[in-house]
């Protein structure tokens, strides 16, 4: 595999001064591994309230000042965002919206029970799809806070200053998704998350203040579309910053290597560390052995890095090496999963 590591400048020194901290940017496997056979995708919307839950939904919207079409339009935008991102993924040959069948949410605010596999299989067969993405839940909660006082805007009626009302509105967009794979009768993922939007308005009374928030629908639609985009990204690997500690004290070679590392000359630093692996002092040699694991991880040689950490723990009792070995084993597992995802 290509070297997946991007180094960042050391930005912190531990209080003990024995070690420095460096950042490594590593590629992580996608949260969802899609089977290789999946090439065509179907998408459905199950978030529409049923007749039984419609009354509760109407009451909820009335209490939270949501417009009648806010959830409906937001759900459409989430589907749109999901489809846009899936179409950008070259592994899929077709992404189809299945809208000839109407599904209903059986519970407001929760994921409904999964679809039966008979229904999933029928939908995928009719659409010619290998897997089914379902928007199982879409809901918006609105929270409003009024506060009175002088707004400082200088508006007067006659000679009297007007005490204005300020309103803050937070809209929380909640979405829930499932991915059905009928070939194996398996739900590949079940996932929910929420996005928050905050608006401010002012007026001479609460009604006037609320009028300043009437454009929130477009913002909710935008956030909803982004929620669909983000969910589609869960089938893609992503990058993550991780930290590592390396020893910088012990001998003059450690001090010089520290300065070279700070300049990004990691291989030159490693040459100095390697010289100290034969130091007659066990503590010094152990630190050098541990640092050799760091440089090997930097260069993408995880097997060699793991060997050095094991030596640092077994031969020199470097306690941080034991934890580091577990981290490296985890990275080796992740890389195997990345290879599987890349082959797909």
C-alpha atoms as a PDB file:
ATOM      1  CA  UNK A   1       0.000   0.000   0.000  1.00  0.00           C
ATOM      2  CA  UNK A   2       1.004   3.572  -0.496  1.00  0.00           C
ATOM      3  CA  UNK A   3       2.343   5.455   2.485  1.00  0.00           C
ATOM      4  CA  UNK A   4      -0.879   6.719   4.049  1.00  0.00           C
ATOM      5  CA  UNK A   5       0.789   8.930   6.642  1.00  0.00           C
ATOM      6  CA  UNK A   6       1.095  12.693   6.510  1.00  0.00           C
ATOM      7  CA  UNK A   7       3.210  14.225   9.234  1.00  0.00           C
ATOM      8  CA  UNK A   8       2.356  17.408  11.024  1.00  0.00           C
ATOM      9  CA  UNK A   9       4.733  19.687  12.879  1.00  0.00           C
ATOM     10  CA  UNK A  10       5.227  18.786  16.514  1.00  0.00           C
ATOM     11  CA  UNK A  11       3.034  21.188  18.436  1.00  0.00           C
ATOM     12  CA  UNK A  12       3.341  20.143  22.062  1.00  0.00           C
ATOM     13  CA  UNK A  13       5.913  18.967  24.560  1.00  0.00           C
ATOM     14  CA  UNK A  14       4.861  16.867  27.521  1.00  0.00           C
ATOM     15  CA  UNK A  15       5.386  18.316  30.968  1.00  0.00           C
ATOM     16  CA  UNK A  16       7.984  15.689  31.812  1.00  0.00           C
ATOM     17  CA  UNK A  17      10.154  16.927  28.901  1.00  0.00           C
ATOM     18  CA  UNK A  18      11.240  13.330  28.269  1.00  0.00           C
ATOM     19  CA  UNK A  19       9.035  13.108  25.196  1.00  0.00           C
ATOM     20  CA  UNK A  20       7.677  15.233  22.398  1.00  0.00           C
ATOM     21  CA  UNK A  21       4.302  14.790  20.735  1.00  0.00           C
ATOM     22  CA  UNK A  22       3.799  14.486  17.003  1.00  0.00           C
ATOM     23  CA  UNK A  23       0.676  14.253  14.880  1.00  0.00           C
ATOM     24  CA  UNK A  24       0.195  11.614  12.211  1.00  0.00           C
ATOM     25  CA  UNK A  25      -2.654  11.751   9.713  1.00  0.00           C
ATOM     26  CA  UNK A  26      -3.849   8.196   9.054  1.00  0.00           C
ATOM     27  CA  UNK A  27      -6.422   6.778   6.685  1.00  0.00           C
ATOM     28  CA  UNK A  28      -9.220   5.009   8.548  1.00  0.00           C
ATOM     29  CA  UNK A  29     -11.560   2.377   7.082  1.00  0.00           C
ATOM     30  CA  UNK A  30     -15.062   3.461   6.164  1.00  0.00           C
ATOM     31  CA  UNK A  31     -17.570   2.854   8.984  1.00  0.00           C
ATOM     32  CA  UNK A  32     -19.597   0.722   6.561  1.00  0.00           C
ATOM     33  CA  UNK A  33     -18.027  -1.948   4.354  1.00  0.00           C
ATOM     34  CA  UNK A  34     -20.161  -2.507   1.269  1.00  0.00           C
ATOM     35  CA  UNK A  35     -20.024  -5.996  -0.294  1.00  0.00           C
ATOM     36  CA  UNK A  36     -18.328  -6.043  -3.684  1.00  0.00           C
ATOM     37  CA  UNK A  37     -21.479  -7.310  -5.395  1.00  0.00           C
ATOM     38  CA  UNK A  38     -23.377  -4.086  -4.660  1.00  0.00           C
ATOM     39  CA  UNK A  39     -23.313  -1.947  -7.802  1.00  0.00           C
ATOM     40  CA  UNK A  40     -26.885  -0.617  -8.009  1.00  0.00           C
ATOM     41  CA  UNK A  41     -28.611   1.280  -5.211  1.00  0.00           C
ATOM     42  CA  UNK A  42     -32.274   1.961  -4.467  1.00  0.00           C
ATOM     43  CA  UNK A  43     -33.406   4.710  -2.075  1.00  0.00           C
ATOM     44  CA  UNK A  44     -36.721   4.998  -0.224  1.00  0.00           C
ATOM     45  CA  UNK A  45     -38.254   7.451   2.251  1.00  0.00           C
ATOM     46  CA  UNK A  46     -39.955   5.866   5.283  1.00  0.00           C
ATOM     47  CA  UNK A  47     -40.144   9.042   7.357  1.00  0.00           C
ATOM     48  CA  UNK A  48     -43.694  10.162   6.447  1.00  0.00           C
ATOM     49  CA  UNK A  49     -46.036   9.967   9.494  1.00  0.00           C
ATOM     50  CA  UNK A  50     -48.774   7.321   9.515  1.00  0.00           C
ATOM     51  CA  UNK A  51     -52.406   8.237  10.189  1.00  0.00           C
ATOM     52  CA  UNK A  52     -51.902   7.096  13.787  1.00  0.00           C
ATOM     53  CA  UNK A  53     -48.889   9.354  14.301  1.00  0.00           C
ATOM     54  CA  UNK A  54     -50.053  12.233  12.128  1.00  0.00           C
ATOM     55  CA  UNK A  55     -52.004  13.879  14.960  1.00  0.00           C
ATOM     56  CA  UNK A  56     -48.974  13.736  17.241  1.00  0.00           C
ATOM     57  CA  UNK A  57     -46.869  15.172  14.423  1.00  0.00           C
ATOM     58  CA  UNK A  58     -49.341  18.048  13.886  1.00  0.00           C
ATOM     59  CA  UNK A  59     -49.328  18.844  17.613  1.00  0.00           C
ATOM     60  CA  UNK A  60     -45.530  18.712  17.664  1.00  0.00           C
ATOM     61  CA  UNK A  61     -45.299  21.139  14.745  1.00  0.00           C
ATOM     62  CA  UNK A  62     -47.831  23.491  16.323  1.00  0.00           C
ATOM     63  CA  UNK A  63     -45.959  23.566  19.611  1.00  0.00           C
ATOM     64  CA  UNK A  64     -42.593  24.132  17.950  1.00  0.00           C
ATOM     65  CA  UNK A  65     -43.833  26.582  15.267  1.00  0.00           C
ATOM     66  CA  UNK A  66     -42.745  24.340  12.407  1.00  0.00           C
ATOM     67  CA  UNK A  67     -44.335  24.908   9.022  1.00  0.00           C
ATOM     68  CA  UNK A  68     -46.560  22.181   7.624  1.00  0.00           C
ATOM     69  CA  UNK A  69     -44.065  21.174   4.930  1.00  0.00           C
ATOM     70  CA  UNK A  70     -40.808  21.641   6.853  1.00  0.00           C
ATOM     71  CA  UNK A  71     -40.256  17.952   7.664  1.00  0.00           C
ATOM     72  CA  UNK A  72     -41.558  16.800   4.291  1.00  0.00           C
ATOM     73  CA  UNK A  73     -39.312  19.151   2.331  1.00  0.00           C
ATOM     74  CA  UNK A  74     -36.368  18.461   4.615  1.00  0.00           C
ATOM     75  CA  UNK A  75     -36.715  14.717   4.091  1.00  0.00           C
ATOM     76  CA  UNK A  76     -36.730  15.219   0.314  1.00  0.00           C
ATOM     77  CA  UNK A  77     -33.550  17.265   0.593  1.00  0.00           C
ATOM     78  CA  UNK A  78     -31.855  14.559   2.678  1.00  0.00           C
ATOM     79  CA  UNK A  79     -32.718  11.969   0.035  1.00  0.00           C
ATOM     80  CA  UNK A  80     -31.437  14.345  -2.638  1.00  0.00           C
ATOM     81  CA  UNK A  81     -28.157  14.875  -0.776  1.00  0.00           C
ATOM     82  CA  UNK A  82     -27.688  11.143  -0.301  1.00  0.00           C
ATOM     83  CA  UNK A  83     -28.341  10.397  -3.968  1.00  0.00           C
ATOM     84  CA  UNK A  84     -25.986  13.160  -5.153  1.00  0.00           C
ATOM     85  CA  UNK A  85     -23.110  11.795  -3.096  1.00  0.00           C
ATOM     86  CA  UNK A  86     -23.749   8.161  -4.050  1.00  0.00           C
ATOM     87  CA  UNK A  87     -23.794   9.131  -7.728  1.00  0.00           C
ATOM     88  CA  UNK A  88     -20.351  10.669  -7.238  1.00  0.00           C
ATOM     89  CA  UNK A  89     -19.052   7.309  -6.011  1.00  0.00           C
ATOM     90  CA  UNK A  90     -17.668   5.531  -9.058  1.00  0.00           C
ATOM     91  CA  UNK A  91     -18.247   2.079  -7.599  1.00  0.00           C
ATOM     92  CA  UNK A  92     -22.011   2.389  -8.171  1.00  0.00           C
ATOM     93  CA  UNK A  93     -23.437   2.123 -11.674  1.00  0.00           C
ATOM     94  CA  UNK A  94     -26.971   3.226 -10.786  1.00  0.00           C
ATOM     95  CA  UNK A  95     -28.633   5.087  -7.901  1.00  0.00           C
ATOM     96  CA  UNK A  96     -32.422   5.097  -8.160  1.00  0.00           C
ATOM     97  CA  UNK A  97     -35.078   6.816  -6.061  1.00  0.00           C
ATOM     98  CA  UNK A  98     -37.948   4.389  -5.447  1.00  0.00           C
ATOM     99  CA  UNK A  99     -40.957   6.661  -5.025  1.00  0.00           C
ATOM    100  CA  UNK A 100     -43.792   4.578  -6.461  1.00  0.00           C
ATOM    101  CA  UNK A 101     -44.498   3.068  -3.044  1.00  0.00           C
ATOM    102  CA  UNK A 102     -45.397   5.184  -0.013  1.00  0.00           C
ATOM    103  CA  UNK A 103     -43.947   4.195   3.331  1.00  0.00           C
ATOM    104  CA  UNK A 104     -44.981   5.603   6.674  1.00  0.00           C
ATOM    105  CA  UNK A 105     -43.161   6.125   9.962  1.00  0.00           C
ATOM    106  CA  UNK A 106     -44.824   4.137  12.728  1.00  0.00           C
ATOM    107  CA  UNK A 107     -43.294   6.174  15.561  1.00  0.00           C
ATOM    108  CA  UNK A 108     -42.484   9.865  15.701  1.00  0.00           C
ATOM    109  CA  UNK A 109     -38.934  10.552  16.839  1.00  0.00           C
ATOM    110  CA  UNK A 110     -37.717   6.927  16.645  1.00  0.00           C
ATOM    111  CA  UNK A 111     -36.504   4.529  13.997  1.00  0.00           C
ATOM    112  CA  UNK A 112     -39.381   2.295  12.895  1.00  0.00           C
ATOM    113  CA  UNK A 113     -38.984  -1.489  12.944  1.00  0.00           C
ATOM    114  CA  UNK A 114     -36.932  -2.756   9.973  1.00  0.00           C
ATOM    115  CA  UNK A 115     -38.715  -3.643   6.755  1.00  0.00           C
ATOM    116  CA  UNK A 116     -39.430  -7.325   6.206  1.00  0.00           C
ATOM    117  CA  UNK A 117     -37.031  -9.045   3.851  1.00  0.00           C
ATOM    118  CA  UNK A 118     -39.909  -9.966   1.551  1.00  0.00           C
ATOM    119  CA  UNK A 119     -40.608  -6.254   1.038  1.00  0.00           C
ATOM    120  CA  UNK A 120     -36.912  -5.381   0.651  1.00  0.00           C
ATOM    121  CA  UNK A 121     -36.393  -8.153  -1.886  1.00  0.00           C
ATOM    122  CA  UNK A 122     -39.468  -7.100  -3.867  1.00  0.00           C
ATOM    123  CA  UNK A 123     -38.404  -3.447  -3.945  1.00  0.00           C
ATOM    124  CA  UNK A 124     -34.870  -4.276  -5.041  1.00  0.00           C
ATOM    125  CA  UNK A 125     -36.069  -6.735  -7.672  1.00  0.00           C
ATOM    126  CA  UNK A 126     -38.536  -4.253  -9.167  1.00  0.00           C
ATOM    127  CA  UNK A 127     -35.938  -1.456  -9.163  1.00  0.00           C
ATOM    128  CA  UNK A 128     -33.079  -3.684 -10.300  1.00  0.00           C
ATOM    129  CA  UNK A 129     -31.086  -2.709  -7.209  1.00  0.00           C
ATOM    130  CA  UNK A 130     -28.594  -4.712  -5.172  1.00  0.00           C
ATOM    131  CA  UNK A 131     -29.092  -2.805  -1.918  1.00  0.00           C
ATOM    132  CA  UNK A 132     -31.617  -0.442  -0.403  1.00  0.00           C
ATOM    133  CA  UNK A 133     -30.812   2.810   1.427  1.00  0.00           C
ATOM    134  CA  UNK A 134     -33.759   3.926   3.564  1.00  0.00           C
ATOM    135  CA  UNK A 135     -34.375   7.265   5.258  1.00  0.00           C
ATOM    136  CA  UNK A 136     -36.138   5.730   8.260  1.00  0.00           C
ATOM    137  CA  UNK A 137     -36.575   8.880  10.291  1.00  0.00           C
ATOM    138  CA  UNK A 138     -36.688  12.612   9.633  1.00  0.00           C
ATOM    139  CA  UNK A 139     -37.739  15.045  12.300  1.00  0.00           C
ATOM    140  CA  UNK A 140     -37.130  18.673  13.227  1.00  0.00           C
ATOM    141  CA  UNK A 141     -37.334  20.010  16.756  1.00  0.00           C
ATOM    142  CA  UNK A 142     -37.557  23.763  17.273  1.00  0.00           C
ATOM    143  CA  UNK A 143     -36.613  25.494  20.496  1.00  0.00           C
ATOM    144  CA  UNK A 144     -37.403  29.185  20.992  1.00  0.00           C
ATOM    145  CA  UNK A 145     -36.078  31.582  23.603  1.00  0.00           C
ATOM    146  CA  UNK A 146     -37.511  35.106  24.000  1.00  0.00           C
ATOM    147  CA  UNK A 147     -35.767  37.867  25.885  1.00  0.00           C
ATOM    148  CA  UNK A 148     -36.845  41.477  26.347  1.00  0.00           C
ATOM    149  CA  UNK A 149     -34.796  44.623  26.772  1.00  0.00           C
ATOM    150  CA  UNK A 150     -33.309  47.562  24.941  1.00  0.00           C
ATOM    151  CA  UNK A 151     -31.934  46.260  21.669  1.00  0.00           C
ATOM    152  CA  UNK A 152     -29.701  49.265  21.241  1.00  0.00           C
ATOM    153  CA  UNK A 153     -31.076  49.896  17.744  1.00  0.00           C
ATOM    154  CA  UNK A 154     -32.357  53.391  18.621  1.00  0.00           C
ATOM    155  CA  UNK A 155     -35.953  52.974  17.447  1.00  0.00           C
ATOM    156  CA  UNK A 156     -38.441  55.304  19.174  1.00  0.00           C
ATOM    157  CA  UNK A 157     -42.177  55.958  19.148  1.00  0.00           C
ATOM    158  CA  UNK A 158     -42.452  59.705  19.653  1.00  0.00           C
ATOM    159  CA  UNK A 159     -39.904  60.568  22.289  1.00  0.00           C
ATOM    160  CA  UNK A 160     -40.111  57.193  24.022  1.00  0.00           C
ATOM    161  CA  UNK A 161     -37.553  54.435  23.422  1.00  0.00           C
ATOM    162  CA  UNK A 162     -39.021  51.076  22.480  1.00  0.00           C
ATOM    163  CA  UNK A 163     -38.142  47.987  24.476  1.00  0.00           C
ATOM    164  CA  UNK A 164     -37.579  45.358  21.809  1.00  0.00           C
ATOM    165  CA  UNK A 165     -37.888  41.602  21.945  1.00  0.00           C
ATOM    166  CA  UNK A 166     -35.014  39.354  20.879  1.00  0.00           C
ATOM    167  CA  UNK A 167     -35.694  35.748  19.917  1.00  0.00           C
ATOM    168  CA  UNK A 168     -33.270  32.894  19.422  1.00  0.00           C
ATOM    169  CA  UNK A 169     -34.479  29.825  17.606  1.00  0.00           C
ATOM    170  CA  UNK A 170     -32.610  26.532  17.400  1.00  0.00           C
ATOM    171  CA  UNK A 171     -33.757  23.946  14.864  1.00  0.00           C
ATOM    172  CA  UNK A 172     -32.431  20.415  15.330  1.00  0.00           C
ATOM    173  CA  UNK A 173     -32.600  18.238  12.216  1.00  0.00           C
ATOM    174  CA  UNK A 174     -32.674  14.524  13.109  1.00  0.00           C
ATOM    175  CA  UNK A 175     -32.201  11.788  10.540  1.00  0.00           C
ATOM    176  CA  UNK A 176     -32.053   8.008  10.807  1.00  0.00           C
ATOM    177  CA  UNK A 177     -30.888   5.584   8.111  1.00  0.00           C
ATOM    178  CA  UNK A 178     -30.637   1.891   7.327  1.00  0.00           C
ATOM    179  CA  UNK A 179     -28.882   0.002   4.526  1.00  0.00           C
ATOM    180  CA  UNK A 180     -30.575  -3.284   3.555  1.00  0.00           C
ATOM    181  CA  UNK A 181     -28.700  -6.025   1.663  1.00  0.00           C
ATOM    182  CA  UNK A 182     -31.290  -8.602   0.573  1.00  0.00           C
ATOM    183  CA  UNK A 183     -28.803 -11.096  -0.889  1.00  0.00           C
ATOM    184  CA  UNK A 184     -27.662 -11.911   2.650  1.00  0.00           C
ATOM    185  CA  UNK A 185     -30.803 -10.682   4.470  1.00  0.00           C
ATOM    186  CA  UNK A 186     -28.484  -8.345   6.331  1.00  0.00           C
ATOM    187  CA  UNK A 187     -28.803  -4.753   7.536  1.00  0.00           C
ATOM    188  CA  UNK A 188     -25.366  -3.329   6.763  1.00  0.00           C
ATOM    189  CA  UNK A 189     -25.887  -0.322   9.021  1.00  0.00           C
ATOM    190  CA  UNK A 190     -28.403   1.427  11.222  1.00  0.00           C
ATOM    191  CA  UNK A 191     -27.378   4.988  12.067  1.00  0.00           C
ATOM    192  CA  UNK A 192     -28.925   8.203  13.422  1.00  0.00           C
ATOM    193  CA  UNK A 193     -27.495  11.670  13.897  1.00  0.00           C
ATOM    194  CA  UNK A 194     -28.588  15.276  14.396  1.00  0.00           C
ATOM    195  CA  UNK A 195     -27.571  18.695  13.049  1.00  0.00           C
ATOM    196  CA  UNK A 196     -28.326  21.994  14.769  1.00  0.00           C
ATOM    197  CA  UNK A 197     -29.083  25.429  13.249  1.00  0.00           C
ATOM    198  CA  UNK A 198     -29.461  28.612  15.313  1.00  0.00           C
ATOM    199  CA  UNK A 199     -31.242  31.820  14.190  1.00  0.00           C
ATOM    200  CA  UNK A 200     -31.702  35.232  15.795  1.00  0.00           C
ATOM    201  CA  UNK A 201     -34.520  37.765  15.309  1.00  0.00           C
ATOM    202  CA  UNK A 202     -35.619  41.071  16.844  1.00  0.00           C
ATOM    203  CA  UNK A 203     -38.851  43.053  16.897  1.00  0.00           C
ATOM    204  CA  UNK A 204     -40.979  45.381  18.971  1.00  0.00           C
ATOM    205  CA  UNK A 205     -42.936  42.344  20.185  1.00  0.00           C
ATOM    206  CA  UNK A 206     -42.605  38.548  20.021  1.00  0.00           C
ATOM    207  CA  UNK A 207     -44.659  38.295  16.806  1.00  0.00           C
ATOM    208  CA  UNK A 208     -42.490  40.859  15.042  1.00  0.00           C
ATOM    209  CA  UNK A 209     -39.349  39.129  16.299  1.00  0.00           C
ATOM    210  CA  UNK A 210     -40.526  35.782  14.909  1.00  0.00           C
ATOM    211  CA  UNK A 211     -41.129  37.339  11.496  1.00  0.00           C
ATOM    212  CA  UNK A 212     -37.378  37.751  11.224  1.00  0.00           C
ATOM    213  CA  UNK A 213     -37.005  33.975  11.327  1.00  0.00           C
ATOM    214  CA  UNK A 214     -39.257  33.142   8.392  1.00  0.00           C
ATOM    215  CA  UNK A 215     -36.317  32.248   6.131  1.00  0.00           C
ATOM    216  CA  UNK A 216     -35.388  29.300   8.351  1.00  0.00           C
ATOM    217  CA  UNK A 217     -37.024  26.831   5.963  1.00  0.00           C
ATOM    218  CA  UNK A 218     -34.345  27.283   3.310  1.00  0.00           C
ATOM    219  CA  UNK A 219     -31.635  26.868   5.917  1.00  0.00           C
ATOM    220  CA  UNK A 220     -33.264  23.675   7.194  1.00  0.00           C
ATOM    221  CA  UNK A 221     -33.409  22.325   3.639  1.00  0.00           C
ATOM    222  CA  UNK A 222     -29.730  23.087   3.161  1.00  0.00           C
ATOM    223  CA  UNK A 223     -28.746  21.352   6.397  1.00  0.00           C
ATOM    224  CA  UNK A 224     -30.979  18.401   5.490  1.00  0.00           C
ATOM    225  CA  UNK A 225     -29.250  17.993   2.145  1.00  0.00           C
ATOM    226  CA  UNK A 226     -25.874  18.099   3.895  1.00  0.00           C
ATOM    227  CA  UNK A 227     -27.099  15.389   6.279  1.00  0.00           C
ATOM    228  CA  UNK A 228     -27.752  13.158   3.269  1.00  0.00           C
ATOM    229  CA  UNK A 229     -24.294  13.956   1.892  1.00  0.00           C
ATOM    230  CA  UNK A 230     -22.672  13.087   5.202  1.00  0.00           C
ATOM    231  CA  UNK A 231     -24.468   9.782   5.504  1.00  0.00           C
ATOM    232  CA  UNK A 232     -23.330   8.717   2.036  1.00  0.00           C
ATOM    233  CA  UNK A 233     -19.752   9.478   3.096  1.00  0.00           C
ATOM    234  CA  UNK A 234     -19.943   6.723   5.712  1.00  0.00           C
ATOM    235  CA  UNK A 235     -19.146   4.180   3.031  1.00  0.00           C
ATOM    236  CA  UNK A 236     -15.855   5.978   2.248  1.00  0.00           C
ATOM    237  CA  UNK A 237     -12.530   5.816   4.146  1.00  0.00           C
ATOM    238  CA  UNK A 238     -11.626   8.989   6.028  1.00  0.00           C
ATOM    239  CA  UNK A 239      -8.551  10.622   7.519  1.00  0.00           C
ATOM    240  CA  UNK A 240      -7.944  11.124  11.215  1.00  0.00           C
ATOM    241  CA  UNK A 241      -5.209  12.901  13.183  1.00  0.00           C
ATOM    242  CA  UNK A 242      -3.573  10.719  15.835  1.00  0.00           C
ATOM    243  CA  UNK A 243      -0.771  11.528  18.271  1.00  0.00           C
ATOM    244  CA  UNK A 244       2.432   9.697  19.096  1.00  0.00           C
ATOM    245  CA  UNK A 245       5.075  10.405  21.762  1.00  0.00           C
ATOM    246  CA  UNK A 246       8.788   9.942  21.083  1.00  0.00           C
ATOM    247  CA  UNK A 247      11.735  10.270  23.437  1.00  0.00           C
ATOM    248  CA  UNK A 248      13.922  13.380  23.186  1.00  0.00           C
ATOM    249  CA  UNK A 249      16.235  13.079  26.222  1.00  0.00           C
ATOM    250  CA  UNK A 250      18.992  10.699  27.232  1.00  0.00           C
ATOM    251  CA  UNK A 251      22.115  11.551  25.215  1.00  0.00           C
ATOM    252  CA  UNK A 252      23.382  14.215  22.839  1.00  0.00           C
ATOM    253  CA  UNK A 253      22.118  12.092  19.950  1.00  0.00           C
ATOM    254  CA  UNK A 254      18.583  12.340  21.336  1.00  0.00           C
ATOM    255  CA  UNK A 255      18.903  16.117  21.592  1.00  0.00           C
ATOM    256  CA  UNK A 256      20.167  16.433  18.015  1.00  0.00           C
ATOM    257  CA  UNK A 257      17.520  14.011  16.755  1.00  0.00           C
ATOM    258  CA  UNK A 258      14.867  16.142  18.436  1.00  0.00           C
ATOM    259  CA  UNK A 259      15.946  19.204  16.470  1.00  0.00           C
ATOM    260  CA  UNK A 260      16.071  17.226  13.233  1.00  0.00           C
ATOM    261  CA  UNK A 261      12.572  15.859  13.894  1.00  0.00           C
ATOM    262  CA  UNK A 262      11.299  19.389  14.506  1.00  0.00           C
ATOM    263  CA  UNK A 263      12.607  20.281  11.032  1.00  0.00           C
ATOM    264  CA  UNK A 264      10.873  17.274   9.500  1.00  0.00           C
ATOM    265  CA  UNK A 265      14.108  15.311   8.962  1.00  0.00           C
ATOM    266  CA  UNK A 266      12.761  12.124  10.486  1.00  0.00           C
ATOM    267  CA  UNK A 267      15.081   9.690   8.689  1.00  0.00           C
ATOM    268  CA  UNK A 268      18.131  11.619   9.914  1.00  0.00           C
ATOM    269  CA  UNK A 269      16.691  11.573  13.422  1.00  0.00           C
ATOM    270  CA  UNK A 270      16.184   7.825  13.101  1.00  0.00           C
ATOM    271  CA  UNK A 271      19.833   7.320  12.185  1.00  0.00           C
ATOM    272  CA  UNK A 272      20.816   8.892  15.509  1.00  0.00           C
ATOM    273  CA  UNK A 273      18.221   6.849  17.429  1.00  0.00           C
ATOM    274  CA  UNK A 274      19.494   3.639  15.865  1.00  0.00           C
ATOM    275  CA  UNK A 275      23.012   4.369  17.131  1.00  0.00           C
ATOM    276  CA  UNK A 276      21.641   4.481  20.662  1.00  0.00           C
ATOM    277  CA  UNK A 277      19.912   1.095  20.454  1.00  0.00           C
ATOM    278  CA  UNK A 278      23.261  -0.432  21.494  1.00  0.00           C
ATOM    279  CA  UNK A 279      23.808   1.991  24.382  1.00  0.00           C
ATOM    280  CA  UNK A 280      25.117   0.119  27.458  1.00  0.00           C
ATOM    281  CA  UNK A 281      22.567   1.903  29.616  1.00  0.00           C
ATOM    282  CA  UNK A 282      19.318  -0.054  29.455  1.00  0.00           C
ATOM    283  CA  UNK A 283      17.084   3.009  29.835  1.00  0.00           C
ATOM    284  CA  UNK A 284      18.771   4.829  26.946  1.00  0.00           C
ATOM    285  CA  UNK A 285      18.742   1.779  24.678  1.00  0.00           C
ATOM    286  CA  UNK A 286      15.069   1.130  25.458  1.00  0.00           C
ATOM    287  CA  UNK A 287      14.091   4.676  24.529  1.00  0.00           C
ATOM    288  CA  UNK A 288      15.977   4.398  21.254  1.00  0.00           C
ATOM    289  CA  UNK A 289      14.335   1.072  20.460  1.00  0.00           C
ATOM    290  CA  UNK A 290      10.932   2.620  21.144  1.00  0.00           C
ATOM    291  CA  UNK A 291      11.702   5.575  18.867  1.00  0.00           C
ATOM    292  CA  UNK A 292      12.616   3.154  16.084  1.00  0.00           C
ATOM    293  CA  UNK A 293       9.024   1.927  16.222  1.00  0.00           C
ATOM    294  CA  UNK A 294       7.877   5.530  15.697  1.00  0.00           C
ATOM    295  CA  UNK A 295       9.976   6.063  12.564  1.00  0.00           C
ATOM    296  CA  UNK A 296       8.829   2.755  11.102  1.00  0.00           C
ATOM    297  CA  UNK A 297       5.186   3.696  11.595  1.00  0.00           C
ATOM    298  CA  UNK A 298       5.897   7.083  10.011  1.00  0.00           C
ATOM    299  CA  UNK A 299       7.308   5.273   6.972  1.00  0.00           C
ATOM    300  CA  UNK A 300       4.334   2.886   6.799  1.00  0.00           C
ATOM    301  CA  UNK A 301       6.225  -0.225   7.934  1.00  0.00           C
ATOM    302  CA  UNK A 302       3.788  -1.408  10.575  1.00  0.00           C
ATOM    303  CA  UNK A 303       5.220  -4.923  10.954  1.00  0.00           C
ATOM    304  CA  UNK A 304       8.677  -3.509  11.662  1.00  0.00           C
ATOM    305  CA  UNK A 305       7.187  -0.907  14.010  1.00  0.00           C
ATOM    306  CA  UNK A 306       5.384  -3.639  15.935  1.00  0.00           C
ATOM    307  CA  UNK A 307       8.621  -5.628  16.227  1.00  0.00           C
ATOM    308  CA  UNK A 308      10.421  -2.640  17.738  1.00  0.00           C
ATOM    309  CA  UNK A 309       7.620  -1.994  20.265  1.00  0.00           C
ATOM    310  CA  UNK A 310       7.676  -5.626  21.348  1.00  0.00           C
ATOM    311  CA  UNK A 311      11.439  -5.435  21.838  1.00  0.00           C
ATOM    312  CA  UNK A 312      11.100  -2.174  23.814  1.00  0.00           C
ATOM    313  CA  UNK A 313       8.617  -3.832  26.196  1.00  0.00           C
ATOM    314  CA  UNK A 314      10.080  -7.327  26.467  1.00  0.00           C
ATOM    315  CA  UNK A 315      13.778  -6.425  26.644  1.00  0.00           C
ATOM    316  CA  UNK A 316      13.726  -2.961  28.217  1.00  0.00           C
ATOM    317  CA  UNK A 317      10.439  -2.684  30.143  1.00  0.00           C
ATOM    318  CA  UNK A 318       9.398   0.529  28.341  1.00  0.00           C
ATOM    319  CA  UNK A 319       5.847   0.701  29.648  1.00  0.00           C
ATOM    320  CA  UNK A 320       4.392   2.945  26.948  1.00  0.00           C
ATOM    321  CA  UNK A 321       5.519   0.370  24.364  1.00  0.00           C
ATOM    322  CA  UNK A 322       2.862  -2.099  25.525  1.00  0.00           C
ATOM    323  CA  UNK A 323       0.057   0.356  24.741  1.00  0.00           C
ATOM    324  CA  UNK A 324       1.767   1.348  21.491  1.00  0.00           C
ATOM    325  CA  UNK A 325       1.901  -2.300  20.405  1.00  0.00           C
ATOM    326  CA  UNK A 326      -1.881  -2.577  20.831  1.00  0.00           C
ATOM    327  CA  UNK A 327      -2.345   0.587  18.750  1.00  0.00           C
ATOM    328  CA  UNK A 328      -0.165  -0.807  15.971  1.00  0.00           C
ATOM    329  CA  UNK A 329      -2.065  -4.093  15.956  1.00  0.00           C
ATOM    330  CA  UNK A 330      -5.257  -2.077  15.558  1.00  0.00           C
ATOM    331  CA  UNK A 331      -3.744  -0.165  12.653  1.00  0.00           C
ATOM    332  CA  UNK A 332      -2.717  -3.420  10.964  1.00  0.00           C
ATOM    333  CA  UNK A 333      -6.300  -4.649  11.231  1.00  0.00           C
ATOM    334  CA  UNK A 334      -7.592  -1.342   9.838  1.00  0.00           C
ATOM    335  CA  UNK A 335      -5.192  -1.574   6.904  1.00  0.00           C
ATOM    336  CA  UNK A 336      -6.459  -5.032   6.032  1.00  0.00           C
ATOM    337  CA  UNK A 337      -9.992  -3.668   6.060  1.00  0.00           C
ATOM    338  CA  UNK A 338      -8.867  -0.738   3.901  1.00  0.00           C
ATOM    339  CA  UNK A 339      -7.426  -3.161   1.359  1.00  0.00           C
ATOM    340  CA  UNK A 340     -10.749  -4.996   1.256  1.00  0.00           C
ATOM    341  CA  UNK A 341     -12.637  -1.726   0.764  1.00  0.00           C
ATOM    342  CA  UNK A 342     -10.201  -0.540  -1.917  1.00  0.00           C
ATOM    343  CA  UNK A 343     -10.583  -3.826  -3.837  1.00  0.00           C
ATOM    344  CA  UNK A 344     -14.295  -3.206  -3.959  1.00  0.00           C
END
